[in-house]
Amino acid sequence: MNPGDADEQQGGHWSPTPPGQPQTGGFPGNQGQTAQFQGGPPTGGVPDRSVIFALGAAVAGIVTYCMGFVSWITALPGAQQGIDSWERDFIEGRDSIPGFFSDDIVLNPGKFFVVLGVVGVATTFMLVPRYRKALPFLAVIALAGWLALFASALIMPPSVELGAGAILGLIFGFVQVALLMTASFLYGLKKDDAAIS
């Protein structure tokens, strides 16, 4: 009689576990531990990625707001002659005025900096879980503010150029919008996964 026959007589059944698969048998007291190892490492301590992106968007929004204090446009040499030339071309029908062109949107983009700054400060409330449902709304508001800022930067009077505040504001504003939209997307995926489970 070989050892295998003795195990069969005692009611036990031994079967080797193929390599690469977790062993589910063993002693009765180890079954719960085996199930725990199969579930992988605990995820309770992993931070929510949407919060990380939201905090990055908050920092970018505050920096964008600060760019409203830096130069928006700078005049080039011979600015008055360039404006006079553009005015003659427009009167004679050789030029046109875009739909975004107005003194309010071109020369006073400060309100758009304020919008992006307010959204940046409001994004810090995303640290509280109950407020995270507002992420998509903040992303839409920030996108509207940045698009308005971008439009006012594109439509410049002749003989002027964008200053450092405009360039950096557009860059950090875009980063703010991108991070907010990413945070909203990740938050939506997490809610869907929670609903399915």
C-alpha atoms as a PDB file:
ATOM      1  CA  MET A   1       0.000   0.000   0.000  1.00  0.00           C
ATOM      2  CA  ASN A   2       1.373   3.406  -0.960  1.00  0.00           C
ATOM      3  CA  PRO A   3       0.770   6.679   0.919  1.00  0.00           C
ATOM      4  CA  GLY A   4      -1.837   7.759  -1.610  1.00  0.00           C
ATOM      5  CA  ASP A   5      -4.030   4.768  -0.759  1.00  0.00           C
ATOM      6  CA  ALA A   6      -3.879   5.619   2.939  1.00  0.00           C
ATOM      7  CA  ASP A   7      -5.121   9.139   2.274  1.00  0.00           C
ATOM      8  CA  GLU A   8      -8.022   7.836   0.253  1.00  0.00           C
ATOM      9  CA  GLN A   9      -9.044   5.434   3.019  1.00  0.00           C
ATOM     10  CA  GLN A  10      -9.138   8.294   5.558  1.00  0.00           C
ATOM     11  CA  GLY A  11     -11.451  10.334   3.355  1.00  0.00           C
ATOM     12  CA  GLY A  12      -8.820  12.837   2.255  1.00  0.00           C
ATOM     13  CA  HIS A  13      -8.187  13.714  -1.350  1.00  0.00           C
ATOM     14  CA  TRP A  14      -4.869  15.185  -2.411  1.00  0.00           C
ATOM     15  CA  SER A  15      -4.534  16.996  -5.720  1.00  0.00           C
ATOM     16  CA  PRO A  16      -1.541  19.065  -6.740  1.00  0.00           C
ATOM     17  CA  THR A  17      -2.163  22.691  -7.511  1.00  0.00           C
ATOM     18  CA  PRO A  18      -1.050  23.788 -10.987  1.00  0.00           C
ATOM     19  CA  PRO A  19       1.696  26.385 -10.921  1.00  0.00           C
ATOM     20  CA  GLY A  20       0.519  29.989 -11.093  1.00  0.00           C
ATOM     21  CA  GLN A  21      -2.807  29.348  -9.346  1.00  0.00           C
ATOM     22  CA  PRO A  22      -3.485  30.084  -5.663  1.00  0.00           C
ATOM     23  CA  GLN A  23      -4.061  27.061  -3.463  1.00  0.00           C
ATOM     24  CA  THR A  24      -7.591  26.961  -2.091  1.00  0.00           C
ATOM     25  CA  GLY A  25      -7.232  23.856   0.011  1.00  0.00           C
ATOM     26  CA  GLY A  26      -5.008  23.205   2.976  1.00  0.00           C
ATOM     27  CA  PHE A  27      -5.856  23.288   6.608  1.00  0.00           C
ATOM     28  CA  PRO A  28      -9.361  24.427   7.571  1.00  0.00           C
ATOM     29  CA  GLY A  29      -8.014  27.395   9.538  1.00  0.00           C
ATOM     30  CA  ASN A  30      -6.135  28.755   6.508  1.00  0.00           C
ATOM     31  CA  GLN A  31      -9.116  29.033   4.146  1.00  0.00           C
ATOM     32  CA  GLY A  32     -10.015  32.565   5.222  1.00  0.00           C
ATOM     33  CA  GLN A  33      -6.409  33.665   4.865  1.00  0.00           C
ATOM     34  CA  THR A  34      -6.248  32.165   1.392  1.00  0.00           C
ATOM     35  CA  ALA A  35      -9.347  34.093   0.358  1.00  0.00           C
ATOM     36  CA  GLN A  36      -7.814  37.264   1.718  1.00  0.00           C
ATOM     37  CA  PHE A  37      -4.670  36.819  -0.358  1.00  0.00           C
ATOM     38  CA  GLN A  38      -6.737  36.116  -3.457  1.00  0.00           C
ATOM     39  CA  GLY A  39      -8.531  39.456  -3.074  1.00  0.00           C
ATOM     40  CA  GLY A  40      -5.283  41.392  -3.453  1.00  0.00           C
ATOM     41  CA  PRO A  41      -4.001  44.231  -1.307  1.00  0.00           C
ATOM     42  CA  PRO A  42      -6.530  46.404   0.512  1.00  0.00           C
ATOM     43  CA  THR A  43      -7.557  49.552  -1.343  1.00  0.00           C
ATOM     44  CA  GLY A  44      -8.950  51.557   1.551  1.00  0.00           C
ATOM     45  CA  GLY A  45      -5.779  53.595   1.926  1.00  0.00           C
ATOM     46  CA  VAL A  46      -5.470  54.561  -1.755  1.00  0.00           C
ATOM     47  CA  PRO A  47      -6.439  58.248  -2.255  1.00  0.00           C
ATOM     48  CA  ASP A  48      -9.161  59.188  -4.708  1.00  0.00           C
ATOM     49  CA  ARG A  49      -7.481  60.230  -7.951  1.00  0.00           C
ATOM     50  CA  SER A  50     -10.250  62.702  -8.754  1.00  0.00           C
ATOM     51  CA  VAL A  51      -9.351  64.636  -5.582  1.00  0.00           C
ATOM     52  CA  ILE A  52      -5.692  64.804  -6.628  1.00  0.00           C
ATOM     53  CA  PHE A  53      -6.617  66.249 -10.042  1.00  0.00           C
ATOM     54  CA  ALA A  54      -9.098  68.636  -8.417  1.00  0.00           C
ATOM     55  CA  LEU A  55      -6.447  69.997  -6.051  1.00  0.00           C
ATOM     56  CA  GLY A  56      -4.095  70.508  -8.993  1.00  0.00           C
ATOM     57  CA  ALA A  57      -6.888  72.408 -10.762  1.00  0.00           C
ATOM     58  CA  ALA A  58      -7.387  74.561  -7.666  1.00  0.00           C
ATOM     59  CA  VAL A  59      -3.715  75.584  -7.653  1.00  0.00           C
ATOM     60  CA  ALA A  60      -3.813  76.320 -11.388  1.00  0.00           C
ATOM     61  CA  GLY A  61      -6.951  78.427 -10.939  1.00  0.00           C
ATOM     62  CA  ILE A  62      -5.393  80.551  -8.213  1.00  0.00           C
ATOM     63  CA  VAL A  63      -2.275  81.101 -10.352  1.00  0.00           C
ATOM     64  CA  THR A  64      -4.503  82.054 -13.301  1.00  0.00           C
ATOM     65  CA  TYR A  65      -6.284  84.619 -11.149  1.00  0.00           C
ATOM     66  CA  CYS A  66      -2.954  86.135 -10.127  1.00  0.00           C
ATOM     67  CA  MET A  67      -2.066  86.569 -13.797  1.00  0.00           C
ATOM     68  CA  GLY A  68      -4.851  89.145 -13.987  1.00  0.00           C
ATOM     69  CA  PHE A  69      -2.513  91.536 -12.168  1.00  0.00           C
ATOM     70  CA  VAL A  70       0.203  91.135 -14.815  1.00  0.00           C
ATOM     71  CA  SER A  71       0.247  92.925 -18.168  1.00  0.00           C
ATOM     72  CA  TRP A  72      -2.502  91.838 -20.553  1.00  0.00           C
ATOM     73  CA  ILE A  73      -1.351  93.632 -23.699  1.00  0.00           C
ATOM     74  CA  THR A  74       1.677  95.708 -24.643  1.00  0.00           C
ATOM     75  CA  ALA A  75       1.832  98.335 -27.354  1.00  0.00           C
ATOM     76  CA  LEU A  76       4.211  97.911 -30.257  1.00  0.00           C
ATOM     77  CA  PRO A  77       6.227 100.766 -31.798  1.00  0.00           C
ATOM     78  CA  GLY A  78       4.066 102.840 -34.118  1.00  0.00           C
ATOM     79  CA  ALA A  79       0.815 101.657 -32.521  1.00  0.00           C
ATOM     80  CA  GLN A  80      -1.183 104.736 -33.476  1.00  0.00           C
ATOM     81  CA  GLN A  81      -0.181 104.480 -37.141  1.00  0.00           C
ATOM     82  CA  GLY A  82      -1.217 100.840 -37.187  1.00  0.00           C
ATOM     83  CA  ILE A  83      -4.605 101.646 -35.687  1.00  0.00           C
ATOM     84  CA  ASP A  84      -5.160 104.433 -38.207  1.00  0.00           C
ATOM     85  CA  SER A  85      -4.247 102.117 -41.077  1.00  0.00           C
ATOM     86  CA  TRP A  86      -6.628  99.429 -39.819  1.00  0.00           C
ATOM     87  CA  GLU A  87      -9.413 102.011 -39.464  1.00  0.00           C
ATOM     88  CA  ARG A  88      -8.943 103.175 -43.070  1.00  0.00           C
ATOM     89  CA  ASP A  89      -9.032  99.586 -44.317  1.00  0.00           C
ATOM     90  CA  PHE A  90     -12.230  98.921 -42.407  1.00  0.00           C
ATOM     91  CA  ILE A  91     -13.948 102.086 -43.660  1.00  0.00           C
ATOM     92  CA  GLU A  92     -12.981 101.296 -47.257  1.00  0.00           C
ATOM     93  CA  GLY A  93     -14.270  97.727 -46.933  1.00  0.00           C
ATOM     94  CA  ARG A  94     -10.900  95.955 -47.018  1.00  0.00           C
ATOM     95  CA  ASP A  95     -11.198  94.594 -43.496  1.00  0.00           C
ATOM     96  CA  SER A  96     -13.858  93.241 -41.142  1.00  0.00           C
ATOM     97  CA  ILE A  97     -14.600  93.013 -37.422  1.00  0.00           C
ATOM     98  CA  PRO A  98     -14.906  89.555 -35.806  1.00  0.00           C
ATOM     99  CA  GLY A  99     -17.908  88.735 -33.645  1.00  0.00           C
ATOM    100  CA  PHE A 100     -15.812  88.666 -30.464  1.00  0.00           C
ATOM    101  CA  PHE A 101     -14.349  92.116 -31.071  1.00  0.00           C
ATOM    102  CA  SER A 102     -15.483  94.696 -28.531  1.00  0.00           C
ATOM    103  CA  ASP A 103     -13.841  97.015 -26.037  1.00  0.00           C
ATOM    104  CA  ASP A 104     -15.391  95.033 -23.187  1.00  0.00           C
ATOM    105  CA  ILE A 105     -14.075  91.589 -24.127  1.00  0.00           C
ATOM    106  CA  VAL A 106     -10.723  92.689 -25.555  1.00  0.00           C
ATOM    107  CA  LEU A 107      -9.593  95.404 -23.165  1.00  0.00           C
ATOM    108  CA  ASN A 108     -11.292  94.154 -19.987  1.00  0.00           C
ATOM    109  CA  PRO A 109     -10.738  90.381 -19.638  1.00  0.00           C
ATOM    110  CA  GLY A 110     -10.374  90.742 -15.857  1.00  0.00           C
ATOM    111  CA  LYS A 111     -13.822  89.262 -15.218  1.00  0.00           C
ATOM    112  CA  PHE A 112     -12.700  86.016 -16.856  1.00  0.00           C
ATOM    113  CA  PHE A 113      -9.667  85.874 -14.577  1.00  0.00           C
ATOM    114  CA  VAL A 114     -12.024  86.369 -11.646  1.00  0.00           C
ATOM    115  CA  VAL A 115     -14.255  83.506 -12.821  1.00  0.00           C
ATOM    116  CA  LEU A 116     -11.299  81.120 -13.108  1.00  0.00           C
ATOM    117  CA  GLY A 117      -9.998  82.259  -9.716  1.00  0.00           C
ATOM    118  CA  VAL A 118     -13.371  81.727  -8.028  1.00  0.00           C
ATOM    119  CA  VAL A 119     -13.620  78.255  -9.562  1.00  0.00           C
ATOM    120  CA  GLY A 120     -10.095  77.522  -8.321  1.00  0.00           C
ATOM    121  CA  VAL A 121     -11.011  78.462  -4.747  1.00  0.00           C
ATOM    122  CA  ALA A 122     -14.308  76.548  -4.937  1.00  0.00           C
ATOM    123  CA  THR A 123     -12.460  73.460  -6.132  1.00  0.00           C
ATOM    124  CA  THR A 124     -10.718  73.200  -2.765  1.00  0.00           C
ATOM    125  CA  PHE A 125     -14.081  72.159  -1.294  1.00  0.00           C
ATOM    126  CA  MET A 126     -13.748  68.908  -3.238  1.00  0.00           C
ATOM    127  CA  LEU A 127     -11.777  67.590  -0.267  1.00  0.00           C
ATOM    128  CA  VAL A 128     -15.179  67.011   1.329  1.00  0.00           C
ATOM    129  CA  PRO A 129     -16.764  63.913  -0.291  1.00  0.00           C
ATOM    130  CA  ARG A 130     -20.319  65.302  -0.242  1.00  0.00           C
ATOM    131  CA  TYR A 131     -19.272  68.267  -2.422  1.00  0.00           C
ATOM    132  CA  ARG A 132     -17.554  66.232  -5.135  1.00  0.00           C
ATOM    133  CA  LYS A 133     -20.767  65.931  -7.103  1.00  0.00           C
ATOM    134  CA  ALA A 134     -20.220  69.586  -8.097  1.00  0.00           C
ATOM    135  CA  LEU A 135     -17.058  68.742 -10.048  1.00  0.00           C
ATOM    136  CA  PRO A 136     -18.777  68.654 -13.486  1.00  0.00           C
ATOM    137  CA  PHE A 137     -20.408  72.051 -12.862  1.00  0.00           C
ATOM    138  CA  LEU A 138     -17.096  73.623 -11.884  1.00  0.00           C
ATOM    139  CA  ALA A 139     -15.494  72.122 -14.995  1.00  0.00           C
ATOM    140  CA  VAL A 140     -18.170  73.675 -17.241  1.00  0.00           C
ATOM    141  CA  ILE A 141     -17.854  77.093 -15.585  1.00  0.00           C
ATOM    142  CA  ALA A 142     -14.061  76.989 -15.866  1.00  0.00           C
ATOM    143  CA  LEU A 143     -14.292  75.978 -19.528  1.00  0.00           C
ATOM    144  CA  ALA A 144     -16.628  78.901 -20.255  1.00  0.00           C
ATOM    145  CA  GLY A 145     -14.287  81.338 -18.512  1.00  0.00           C
ATOM    146  CA  TRP A 146     -11.219  80.026 -20.332  1.00  0.00           C
ATOM    147  CA  LEU A 147     -12.942  80.094 -23.741  1.00  0.00           C
ATOM    148  CA  ALA A 148     -13.908  83.728 -23.131  1.00  0.00           C
ATOM    149  CA  LEU A 149     -10.341  84.516 -22.096  1.00  0.00           C
ATOM    150  CA  PHE A 150      -9.036  82.730 -25.184  1.00  0.00           C
ATOM    151  CA  ALA A 151     -11.417  84.660 -27.450  1.00  0.00           C
ATOM    152  CA  SER A 152     -10.349  87.987 -25.981  1.00  0.00           C
ATOM    153  CA  ALA A 153      -6.711  87.026 -26.513  1.00  0.00           C
ATOM    154  CA  LEU A 154      -7.259  86.116 -30.166  1.00  0.00           C
ATOM    155  CA  ILE A 155      -9.017  89.354 -31.087  1.00  0.00           C
ATOM    156  CA  MET A 156      -6.375  91.986 -30.512  1.00  0.00           C
ATOM    157  CA  PRO A 157      -6.403  95.534 -31.848  1.00  0.00           C
ATOM    158  CA  PRO A 158      -3.664  96.230 -34.369  1.00  0.00           C
ATOM    159  CA  SER A 159      -0.167  97.139 -33.236  1.00  0.00           C
ATOM    160  CA  VAL A 160      -0.551  95.496 -29.815  1.00  0.00           C
ATOM    161  CA  GLU A 161       0.536  92.085 -28.585  1.00  0.00           C
ATOM    162  CA  LEU A 162      -0.253  89.843 -25.657  1.00  0.00           C
ATOM    163  CA  GLY A 163       1.628  90.484 -22.447  1.00  0.00           C
ATOM    164  CA  ALA A 164       3.096  87.990 -20.011  1.00  0.00           C
ATOM    165  CA  GLY A 165      -0.082  87.901 -17.932  1.00  0.00           C
ATOM    166  CA  ALA A 166      -2.185  86.909 -20.925  1.00  0.00           C
ATOM    167  CA  ILE A 167       0.168  84.147 -22.051  1.00  0.00           C
ATOM    168  CA  LEU A 168       0.656  82.614 -18.604  1.00  0.00           C
ATOM    169  CA  GLY A 169      -3.018  83.061 -17.779  1.00  0.00           C
ATOM    170  CA  LEU A 170      -4.046  81.152 -20.893  1.00  0.00           C
ATOM    171  CA  ILE A 171      -1.585  78.353 -20.111  1.00  0.00           C
ATOM    172  CA  PHE A 172      -2.550  77.909 -16.462  1.00  0.00           C
ATOM    173  CA  GLY A 173      -6.222  78.367 -17.297  1.00  0.00           C
ATOM    174  CA  PHE A 174      -6.026  75.544 -19.811  1.00  0.00           C
ATOM    175  CA  VAL A 175      -4.293  73.354 -17.224  1.00  0.00           C
ATOM    176  CA  GLN A 176      -7.042  74.176 -14.740  1.00  0.00           C
ATOM    177  CA  VAL A 177      -9.808  73.206 -17.180  1.00  0.00           C
ATOM    178  CA  ALA A 178      -8.037  70.003 -18.246  1.00  0.00           C
ATOM    179  CA  LEU A 179      -7.494  68.881 -14.649  1.00  0.00           C
ATOM    180  CA  LEU A 180     -11.083  69.675 -13.686  1.00  0.00           C
ATOM    181  CA  MET A 181     -12.484  67.726 -16.623  1.00  0.00           C
ATOM    182  CA  THR A 182     -10.215  64.785 -15.806  1.00  0.00           C
ATOM    183  CA  ALA A 183     -11.304  64.869 -12.163  1.00  0.00           C
ATOM    184  CA  SER A 184     -14.963  64.936 -13.228  1.00  0.00           C
ATOM    185  CA  PHE A 185     -14.421  61.986 -15.551  1.00  0.00           C
ATOM    186  CA  LEU A 186     -12.674  59.938 -12.855  1.00  0.00           C
ATOM    187  CA  TYR A 187     -15.365  60.805 -10.320  1.00  0.00           C
ATOM    188  CA  GLY A 188     -18.064  59.671 -12.760  1.00  0.00           C
ATOM    189  CA  LEU A 189     -16.274  56.381 -13.386  1.00  0.00           C
ATOM    190  CA  LYS A 190     -15.991  55.775  -9.645  1.00  0.00           C
ATOM    191  CA  LYS A 191     -19.709  56.436  -9.142  1.00  0.00           C
ATOM    192  CA  ASP A 192     -20.583  54.031 -11.973  1.00  0.00           C
ATOM    193  CA  ASP A 193     -18.362  51.306 -10.510  1.00  0.00           C
ATOM    194  CA  ALA A 194     -19.951  51.793  -7.098  1.00  0.00           C
ATOM    195  CA  ALA A 195     -23.440  51.565  -8.594  1.00  0.00           C
ATOM    196  CA  ILE A 196     -22.612  48.367 -10.502  1.00  0.00           C
ATOM    197  CA  SER A 197     -21.074  46.678  -7.479  1.00  0.00           C
END
